[in-house]
């Protein structure tokens, strides 16, 4: 597989379908206009992405989206030529960062935004925004604009995937299968965690993906506790090795798939086998519960219970939405506050079920996670990469086909 892409007609349908969902959500909530700086939101509304990691740490590009009509992409002037073919109108962004007279440049930015709103027929003084630096916020406020939160609109729009988005998840799923296959083959005593991470990124980039959002390749004692990052540690025979892919693939679609492997073709220790089997069986049981019509609270109430010894270091949630980034809704563990308790799971949502198992003070931890689309009859796994046969207690070796 090399550099898969969407056909131009399908790409046009992708962008039109997402914009239609966003504008419908705006109209349903009485929002006249959104000003979007968050890179995935810009991409969702316009199809345009440029320097995404840098753009998400600065305020150099944004999209102004009216509830009716064409969006305006305010783009870094040197990147405007990249987006001549999109449906949005493209104009140069007047940024305020990196200037000594920040307030003066922010005022120019704010005046341009207000003028563009009037051009699009927006006469109100309320603007829904996802994120905005202080100079821009103050400048808009001085011009009489009241700022609302755009999250209720963007969350609603992005929750259900369009057919073209589903096709991209299928396309990217093949890349993730190759990434994990190459990763597993590379595991051997003497290789560094960093080398494994580099191989993971290389497979993604060679296949047309964009970047890794995190660096989570951990081995041996680096697997416990959770939230460690990749180091120069050299793998040893008998180590557990886990990866959380956090891969941004073709057209920006995010994959959060986790697997844990055993290094060196040896038998696992009883403790390694126990923690892995616990994590595997918990994940399978949770996956089987996912279906449309359940609320997040109902799903939490029915979820399998993680053994108490693993609860202190549990992953933050059991399930979260995913699309162009990690998204809503989330399902927390039973007994934890439910962030989206009354949200109903719907067909067409894409979710990640994941967990971390590791005892406080233990040497080994296990990270497993699957990405699924909600279908009418349950959850369809998008990256059906097998689990580790050796850690399931079925002899040394690599992988086990999921039951």
Protein backbone atom coordinates (compact mmCIF):
# COMPACT_ATOMS: atom_id res chain seq x y z
CA UNK A 1 0.00 0.00 0.00
CA UNK A 2 1.41 3.36 -0.99
CA UNK A 3 -0.14 6.82 -0.80
CA UNK A 4 -3.86 6.02 -0.91
CA UNK A 5 -6.02 9.01 -1.74
CA UNK A 6 -9.65 9.89 -2.36
CA UNK A 7 -10.91 10.57 -5.86
CA UNK A 8 -11.57 14.29 -6.48
CA UNK A 9 -15.33 13.76 -6.66
CA UNK A 10 -15.34 11.87 -3.35
CA UNK A 11 -13.16 14.55 -1.77
CA UNK A 12 -15.62 17.22 -2.90
CA UNK A 13 -18.51 15.21 -1.39
CA UNK A 14 -16.53 14.81 1.85
CA UNK A 15 -16.06 18.54 2.23
CA UNK A 16 -19.60 19.45 1.19
CA UNK A 17 -21.11 16.86 3.53
CA UNK A 18 -19.15 18.06 6.54
CA UNK A 19 -19.98 21.71 5.89
CA UNK A 20 -23.65 20.83 5.52
CA UNK A 21 -23.65 19.07 8.89
CA UNK A 22 -21.89 21.99 10.56
CA UNK A 23 -24.22 24.62 9.14
CA UNK A 24 -27.28 22.52 10.00
CA UNK A 25 -26.06 22.29 13.61
CA UNK A 26 -25.53 26.06 13.65
CA UNK A 27 -29.05 26.75 12.42
CA UNK A 28 -30.53 24.28 14.90
CA UNK A 29 -28.88 26.17 17.77
CA UNK A 30 -29.50 29.65 16.45
CA UNK A 31 -25.80 30.34 15.81
CA UNK A 32 -25.31 32.86 13.00
CA UNK A 33 -21.54 32.44 12.60
CA UNK A 34 -18.58 30.46 13.90
CA UNK A 35 -14.97 31.61 14.01
CA UNK A 36 -12.76 28.53 14.11
CA UNK A 37 -9.06 28.46 14.94
CA UNK A 38 -8.78 24.82 16.04
CA UNK A 39 -7.07 23.01 13.15
CA UNK A 40 -9.49 20.03 12.99
CA UNK A 41 -12.47 22.40 13.04
CA UNK A 42 -10.99 24.47 10.19
CA UNK A 43 -10.47 21.29 8.23
CA UNK A 44 -13.96 20.02 8.97
CA UNK A 45 -15.52 23.27 7.74
CA UNK A 46 -13.33 23.95 4.70
CA UNK A 47 -11.21 20.88 3.90
CA UNK A 48 -8.07 23.00 4.27
CA UNK A 49 -5.09 22.07 6.43
CA UNK A 50 -1.68 23.74 6.48
CA UNK A 51 1.17 23.25 8.94
CA UNK A 52 -1.31 21.67 11.39
CA UNK A 53 0.97 21.20 14.41
CA UNK A 54 2.36 24.74 14.22
CA UNK A 55 -1.06 26.20 13.43
CA UNK A 56 -2.55 24.69 16.57
CA UNK A 57 0.02 26.51 18.72
CA UNK A 58 -0.46 29.90 17.04
CA UNK A 59 -3.25 32.06 15.63
CA UNK A 60 -2.15 32.33 12.01
CA UNK A 61 -5.19 30.89 10.20
CA UNK A 62 -8.91 30.59 10.85
CA UNK A 63 -12.26 29.88 9.19
CA UNK A 64 -15.27 32.15 9.43
CA UNK A 65 -18.38 30.05 8.84
CA UNK A 66 -21.85 31.62 8.43
CA UNK A 67 -24.94 29.51 9.03
CA UNK A 68 -25.78 30.05 5.34
CA UNK A 69 -23.42 30.47 2.40
CA UNK A 70 -19.72 29.97 1.75
CA UNK A 71 -17.16 29.97 4.56
CA UNK A 72 -14.16 32.27 4.38
CA UNK A 73 -10.77 30.72 5.03
CA UNK A 74 -8.35 33.31 6.39
CA UNK A 75 -5.05 31.70 5.52
CA UNK A 76 -1.39 32.41 6.14
CA UNK A 77 -0.52 34.52 3.07
CA UNK A 78 2.25 32.19 1.94
CA UNK A 79 -0.12 29.19 2.02
CA UNK A 80 -3.07 30.63 0.12
CA UNK A 81 -2.03 29.02 -3.15
CA UNK A 82 -2.60 25.57 -1.64
CA UNK A 83 -6.36 26.03 -1.47
CA UNK A 84 -7.46 27.53 -4.77
CA UNK A 85 -9.71 24.56 -5.46
CA UNK A 86 -11.78 24.51 -2.28
CA UNK A 87 -15.34 25.80 -2.04
CA UNK A 88 -14.52 28.34 0.68
CA UNK A 89 -13.38 31.81 -0.26
CA UNK A 90 -9.69 32.23 0.65
CA UNK A 91 -8.33 35.49 2.00
CA UNK A 92 -5.04 36.45 3.68
CA UNK A 93 -5.05 36.22 7.47
CA UNK A 94 -3.91 39.31 9.35
CA UNK A 95 -2.23 37.75 12.37
CA UNK A 96 -1.29 39.68 15.49
CA UNK A 97 1.38 37.40 16.91
CA UNK A 98 5.12 38.05 16.66
CA UNK A 99 4.65 41.85 16.51
CA UNK A 100 5.72 44.41 19.09
CA UNK A 101 2.45 46.32 18.56
CA UNK A 102 0.20 43.31 19.11
CA UNK A 103 -2.93 45.29 19.96
CA UNK A 104 -2.79 47.32 16.73
CA UNK A 105 -2.56 44.19 14.57
CA UNK A 106 -5.28 42.44 16.56
CA UNK A 107 -7.52 45.42 15.87
CA UNK A 108 -6.96 45.03 12.12
CA UNK A 109 -7.81 41.33 12.43
CA UNK A 110 -11.01 42.11 14.35
CA UNK A 111 -12.13 44.75 11.84
CA UNK A 112 -11.63 42.31 8.99
CA UNK A 113 -13.69 39.67 10.79
CA UNK A 114 -16.56 42.05 11.47
CA UNK A 115 -16.51 43.31 7.87
CA UNK A 116 -16.60 39.73 6.59
CA UNK A 117 -19.56 38.94 8.84
CA UNK A 118 -21.48 41.87 7.41
CA UNK A 119 -20.64 40.73 3.88
CA UNK A 120 -22.17 37.36 4.68
CA UNK A 121 -25.31 38.99 6.01
CA UNK A 122 -24.60 38.41 9.69
CA UNK A 123 -25.88 41.47 11.49
CA UNK A 124 -25.91 40.21 15.07
CA UNK A 125 -23.14 40.86 17.58
CA UNK A 126 -22.60 37.29 18.79
CA UNK A 127 -19.85 35.05 17.44
CA UNK A 128 -19.24 31.40 18.38
CA UNK A 129 -15.50 30.70 18.74
CA UNK A 130 -13.54 27.54 19.56
CA UNK A 131 -10.27 29.13 20.76
CA UNK A 132 -8.95 32.66 20.54
CA UNK A 133 -5.83 34.37 21.85
CA UNK A 134 -6.28 37.21 24.31
CA UNK A 135 -5.35 40.03 21.86
CA UNK A 136 -7.89 38.83 19.30
CA UNK A 137 -10.55 38.34 21.96
CA UNK A 138 -10.09 41.83 23.36
CA UNK A 139 -10.07 43.41 19.90
CA UNK A 140 -13.36 41.76 18.93
CA UNK A 141 -14.82 42.74 22.28
CA UNK A 142 -13.84 46.38 21.74
CA UNK A 143 -15.81 46.28 18.48
CA UNK A 144 -18.90 45.15 20.36
CA UNK A 145 -18.75 41.43 19.54
CA UNK A 146 -19.90 39.00 22.23
CA UNK A 147 -18.09 35.64 22.22
CA UNK A 148 -19.90 32.32 22.66
CA UNK A 149 -18.53 28.79 22.78
CA UNK A 150 -18.71 26.95 19.44
CA UNK A 151 -18.20 23.51 21.01
CA UNK A 152 -21.90 22.58 21.25
CA UNK A 153 -22.22 23.16 17.49
CA UNK A 154 -19.00 21.51 16.35
CA UNK A 155 -19.50 18.56 18.71
CA UNK A 156 -22.99 17.92 17.36
CA UNK A 157 -21.90 18.22 13.74
CA UNK A 158 -18.88 15.96 14.02
CA UNK A 159 -20.48 13.18 16.10
CA UNK A 160 -21.99 11.28 13.15
CA UNK A 161 -19.64 10.49 10.30
CA UNK A 162 -20.66 11.03 6.69
CA UNK A 163 -20.28 8.14 4.17
CA UNK A 164 -17.11 9.76 2.82
CA UNK A 165 -15.65 9.97 6.32
CA UNK A 166 -16.42 6.30 6.87
CA UNK A 167 -14.60 5.50 3.63
CA UNK A 168 -11.56 7.39 4.93
CA UNK A 169 -11.63 5.43 8.17
CA UNK A 170 -11.64 2.22 6.14
CA UNK A 171 -8.77 3.48 3.98
CA UNK A 172 -6.70 4.53 6.98
CA UNK A 173 -7.47 1.28 8.79
CA UNK A 174 -5.32 -0.54 6.22
CA UNK A 175 -2.42 1.80 6.94
CA UNK A 176 -2.76 1.14 10.67
CA UNK A 177 -2.69 -2.59 10.06
CA UNK A 178 0.60 -2.18 8.19
CA UNK A 179 1.99 0.10 10.90
CA UNK A 180 1.25 -2.40 13.65
CA UNK A 181 2.50 -5.34 11.58
CA UNK A 182 5.84 -3.67 10.89
CA UNK A 183 6.06 -2.57 14.52
CA UNK A 184 5.55 -6.10 15.81
CA UNK A 185 8.12 -7.53 13.41
CA UNK A 186 10.70 -4.98 14.55
CA UNK A 187 10.44 -5.88 18.24
CA UNK A 188 13.62 -7.65 19.32
CA UNK A 189 16.15 -7.51 22.15
CA UNK A 190 18.63 -4.69 21.53
CA UNK A 191 16.36 -2.29 19.65
CA UNK A 192 15.52 1.05 21.24
CA UNK A 193 12.06 2.39 21.92
CA UNK A 194 12.95 5.37 19.73
CA UNK A 195 13.78 3.09 16.81
CA UNK A 196 10.38 1.43 17.09
CA UNK A 197 8.67 4.82 17.17
CA UNK A 198 10.62 5.94 14.10
CA UNK A 199 9.51 2.83 12.23
CA UNK A 200 5.90 3.47 13.19
CA UNK A 201 6.08 7.05 11.91
CA UNK A 202 7.90 5.98 8.76
CA UNK A 203 5.18 3.52 7.78
CA UNK A 204 2.52 6.17 8.36
CA UNK A 205 4.32 8.84 6.33
CA UNK A 206 5.24 6.53 3.45
CA UNK A 207 1.57 5.64 3.09
CA UNK A 208 0.36 9.23 2.90
CA UNK A 209 -0.49 9.81 6.56
CA UNK A 210 0.45 13.03 8.27
CA UNK A 211 1.98 12.70 11.75
CA UNK A 212 1.93 11.00 15.14
CA UNK A 213 0.12 13.02 17.78
CA UNK A 214 2.02 11.44 20.69
CA UNK A 215 5.13 9.32 21.25
CA UNK A 216 3.88 6.30 23.16
CA UNK A 217 6.17 3.32 22.64
CA UNK A 218 7.14 1.93 26.04
CA UNK A 219 8.94 -1.20 27.20
CA UNK A 220 9.81 -3.07 30.40
CA UNK A 221 9.69 -0.83 33.48
CA UNK A 222 8.72 2.10 31.24
CA UNK A 223 5.28 0.47 30.83
CA UNK A 224 4.31 1.24 34.44
CA UNK A 225 2.88 3.69 35.28
CA UNK A 226 0.89 4.88 32.27
CA UNK A 227 1.67 8.22 30.58
CA UNK A 228 5.34 7.53 30.05
CA UNK A 229 6.74 8.49 26.66
CA UNK A 230 9.28 6.95 24.32
CA UNK A 231 12.88 6.92 25.52
CA UNK A 232 16.25 5.60 24.38
CA UNK A 233 15.76 2.46 26.49
CA UNK A 234 17.01 -0.74 24.84
CA UNK A 235 14.54 -3.64 24.83
CA UNK A 236 15.40 -6.79 26.75
CA UNK A 237 14.18 -10.33 26.29
CA UNK A 238 10.93 -10.86 28.16
CA UNK A 239 9.90 -7.17 28.19
CA UNK A 240 6.36 -6.10 27.58
CA UNK A 241 6.21 -3.47 24.84
CA UNK A 242 3.15 -1.36 24.18
CA UNK A 243 2.23 1.17 21.53
CA UNK A 244 -0.60 3.69 21.39
CA UNK A 245 -0.62 4.67 17.72
CA UNK A 246 -2.27 8.14 18.00
CA UNK A 247 -1.78 8.43 14.24
CA UNK A 248 -3.13 11.24 12.07
CA UNK A 249 -3.71 9.57 8.74
CA UNK A 250 -4.85 10.45 5.23
CA UNK A 251 -6.99 13.63 5.20
CA UNK A 252 -6.28 14.08 8.91
CA UNK A 253 -8.35 11.22 10.35
CA UNK A 254 -7.17 10.13 13.78
CA UNK A 255 -6.51 6.55 14.90
CA UNK A 256 -6.01 5.66 18.56
CA UNK A 257 -5.30 1.92 18.52
CA UNK A 258 -3.19 0.25 21.23
CA UNK A 259 -1.45 -3.10 21.43
CA UNK A 260 0.98 -4.76 23.85
CA UNK A 261 3.58 -7.31 22.75
CA UNK A 262 6.12 -9.65 24.37
CA UNK A 263 9.75 -9.25 23.35
CA UNK A 264 12.02 -12.15 22.53
CA UNK A 265 9.76 -15.16 21.92
CA UNK A 266 9.92 -16.29 25.56
CA UNK A 267 7.15 -17.39 27.89
CA UNK A 268 5.56 -14.56 29.84
CA UNK A 269 5.73 -14.46 33.60
CA UNK A 270 2.51 -15.37 35.43
CA UNK A 271 2.08 -11.68 36.34
CA UNK A 272 2.44 -10.60 32.71
CA UNK A 273 -0.03 -13.21 31.56
CA UNK A 274 -2.54 -12.21 34.24
CA UNK A 275 -2.47 -8.47 33.50
CA UNK A 276 -2.66 -9.02 29.75
CA UNK A 277 -5.51 -11.54 29.95
CA UNK A 278 -7.43 -9.22 32.28
CA UNK A 279 -7.05 -6.30 29.88
CA UNK A 280 -7.95 -8.37 26.82
CA UNK A 281 -11.06 -9.92 28.35
CA UNK A 282 -12.25 -6.54 29.70
CA UNK A 283 -11.88 -4.94 26.26
CA UNK A 284 -13.74 -7.76 24.51
CA UNK A 285 -16.62 -7.54 27.02
CA UNK A 286 -16.87 -3.75 26.66
CA UNK A 287 -16.82 -3.91 22.86
CA UNK A 288 -19.71 -6.37 22.90
CA UNK A 289 -21.90 -3.87 24.77
CA UNK A 290 -21.62 -1.02 22.26
CA UNK A 291 -24.74 -0.47 20.19
CA UNK A 292 -26.91 2.46 19.13
CA UNK A 293 -29.64 3.61 21.50
CA UNK A 294 -27.70 3.25 24.73
CA UNK A 295 -26.85 6.35 26.72
CA UNK A 296 -23.29 6.77 27.92
CA UNK A 297 -24.55 6.34 31.49
CA UNK A 298 -26.29 3.07 30.64
CA UNK A 299 -23.14 1.80 28.97
CA UNK A 300 -21.07 2.71 32.03
CA UNK A 301 -23.52 0.90 34.31
CA UNK A 302 -23.29 -2.27 32.19
CA UNK A 303 -19.52 -2.13 31.64
CA UNK A 304 -17.27 -4.90 32.95
CA UNK A 305 -15.59 -4.07 36.25
CA UNK A 306 -11.84 -3.68 36.23
CA UNK A 307 -10.20 -5.50 39.15
CA UNK A 308 -9.66 -3.15 42.08
CA UNK A 309 -5.87 -3.48 42.01
CA UNK A 310 -5.80 -1.82 38.55
CA UNK A 311 -8.21 1.01 39.32
CA UNK A 312 -5.74 3.51 40.87
CA UNK A 313 -3.87 3.77 37.54
CA UNK A 314 -6.87 3.38 35.24
CA UNK A 315 -7.09 5.22 31.95
CA UNK A 316 -9.13 8.42 32.20
CA UNK A 317 -12.18 7.03 30.37
CA UNK A 318 -13.34 3.71 28.97
CA UNK A 319 -14.58 5.09 25.64
CA UNK A 320 -14.17 8.31 23.71
CA UNK A 321 -15.25 9.58 20.32
CA UNK A 322 -12.77 10.16 17.52
CA UNK A 323 -12.65 11.79 14.10
CA UNK A 324 -10.23 14.52 13.05
CA UNK A 325 -9.06 14.45 16.69
CA UNK A 326 -10.16 12.84 19.92
CA UNK A 327 -13.78 13.88 20.29
CA UNK A 328 -16.94 13.64 22.36
CA UNK A 329 -18.70 11.66 23.76
CA UNK A 330 -16.73 9.99 26.53
CA UNK A 331 -17.79 7.19 28.87
CA UNK A 332 -16.09 7.25 32.27
CA UNK A 333 -15.66 4.33 34.66
CA UNK A 334 -18.60 3.39 36.88
CA UNK A 335 -18.43 5.55 39.99
CA UNK A 336 -16.57 8.37 38.21
CA UNK A 337 -18.46 11.50 37.13
CA UNK A 338 -19.97 10.90 33.69
CA UNK A 339 -19.06 13.77 31.33
CA UNK A 340 -21.71 12.80 28.77
CA UNK A 341 -24.12 10.67 30.78
CA UNK A 342 -27.29 11.39 28.78
CA UNK A 343 -25.66 11.35 25.34
CA UNK A 344 -27.13 8.56 23.19
CA UNK A 345 -24.86 6.37 21.07
CA UNK A 346 -25.90 6.57 17.43
CA UNK A 347 -25.16 4.64 14.29
CA UNK A 348 -22.30 6.30 12.43
CA UNK A 349 -20.36 7.37 15.50
CA UNK A 350 -16.69 6.33 15.64
CA UNK A 351 -15.47 5.39 19.11
CA UNK A 352 -12.32 4.15 20.83
CA UNK A 353 -12.55 1.65 23.68
CA UNK A 354 -9.25 1.47 25.56
CA UNK A 355 -7.69 0.71 28.90
CA UNK A 356 -4.46 0.59 30.82
CA UNK A 357 -3.82 -2.19 33.36
CA UNK A 358 -0.91 -1.92 35.78
CA UNK A 359 -0.61 -2.23 39.55
CA UNK A 360 0.84 0.63 41.53
CA UNK A 361 4.52 -0.16 42.04
CA UNK A 362 4.49 -3.02 39.56
CA UNK A 363 7.04 -3.49 36.79
CA UNK A 364 4.70 -4.21 33.91
CA UNK A 365 1.66 -2.51 32.44
CA UNK A 366 -0.58 -3.31 29.48
CA UNK A 367 -2.25 -0.87 27.08
CA UNK A 368 -4.95 -2.13 24.71
CA UNK A 369 -7.46 -0.23 22.62
CA UNK A 370 -9.67 -0.66 19.57
CA UNK A 371 -11.32 1.85 17.23
CA UNK A 372 -14.84 1.06 16.06
CA UNK A 373 -17.72 2.44 14.07
CA UNK A 374 -21.17 2.02 15.60
CA UNK A 375 -23.41 -0.01 13.30
CA UNK A 376 -27.07 -0.94 13.70
CA UNK A 377 -26.15 -4.29 15.25
CA UNK A 378 -23.13 -3.28 17.35
CA UNK A 379 -19.55 -2.14 16.86
CA UNK A 380 -17.37 -2.88 13.81
CA UNK A 381 -13.64 -2.83 14.56
CA UNK A 382 -11.77 -0.67 12.04
CA UNK A 383 -8.27 -2.04 12.74
CA UNK A 384 -8.66 -5.77 13.50
CA UNK A 385 -5.01 -6.31 14.38
CA UNK A 386 -4.59 -9.55 16.34
CA UNK A 387 -3.66 -9.75 20.00
CA UNK A 388 -0.47 -11.28 21.40
CA UNK A 389 -0.67 -15.06 21.48
CA UNK A 390 2.27 -15.45 23.82
CA UNK A 391 0.70 -13.19 26.43
CA UNK A 392 -2.58 -15.07 26.19
CA UNK A 393 -0.80 -18.14 27.55
CA UNK A 394 -0.96 -20.03 24.28
CA UNK A 395 2.73 -20.49 23.84
CA UNK A 396 5.45 -18.15 22.51
CA UNK A 397 4.85 -16.37 19.27
CA UNK A 398 3.40 -13.22 17.92
CA UNK A 399 -0.31 -12.72 17.55
CA UNK A 400 -3.72 -14.14 18.22
CA UNK A 401 -6.78 -13.52 16.12
CA UNK A 402 -9.43 -11.81 18.23
CA UNK A 403 -12.31 -14.08 19.31
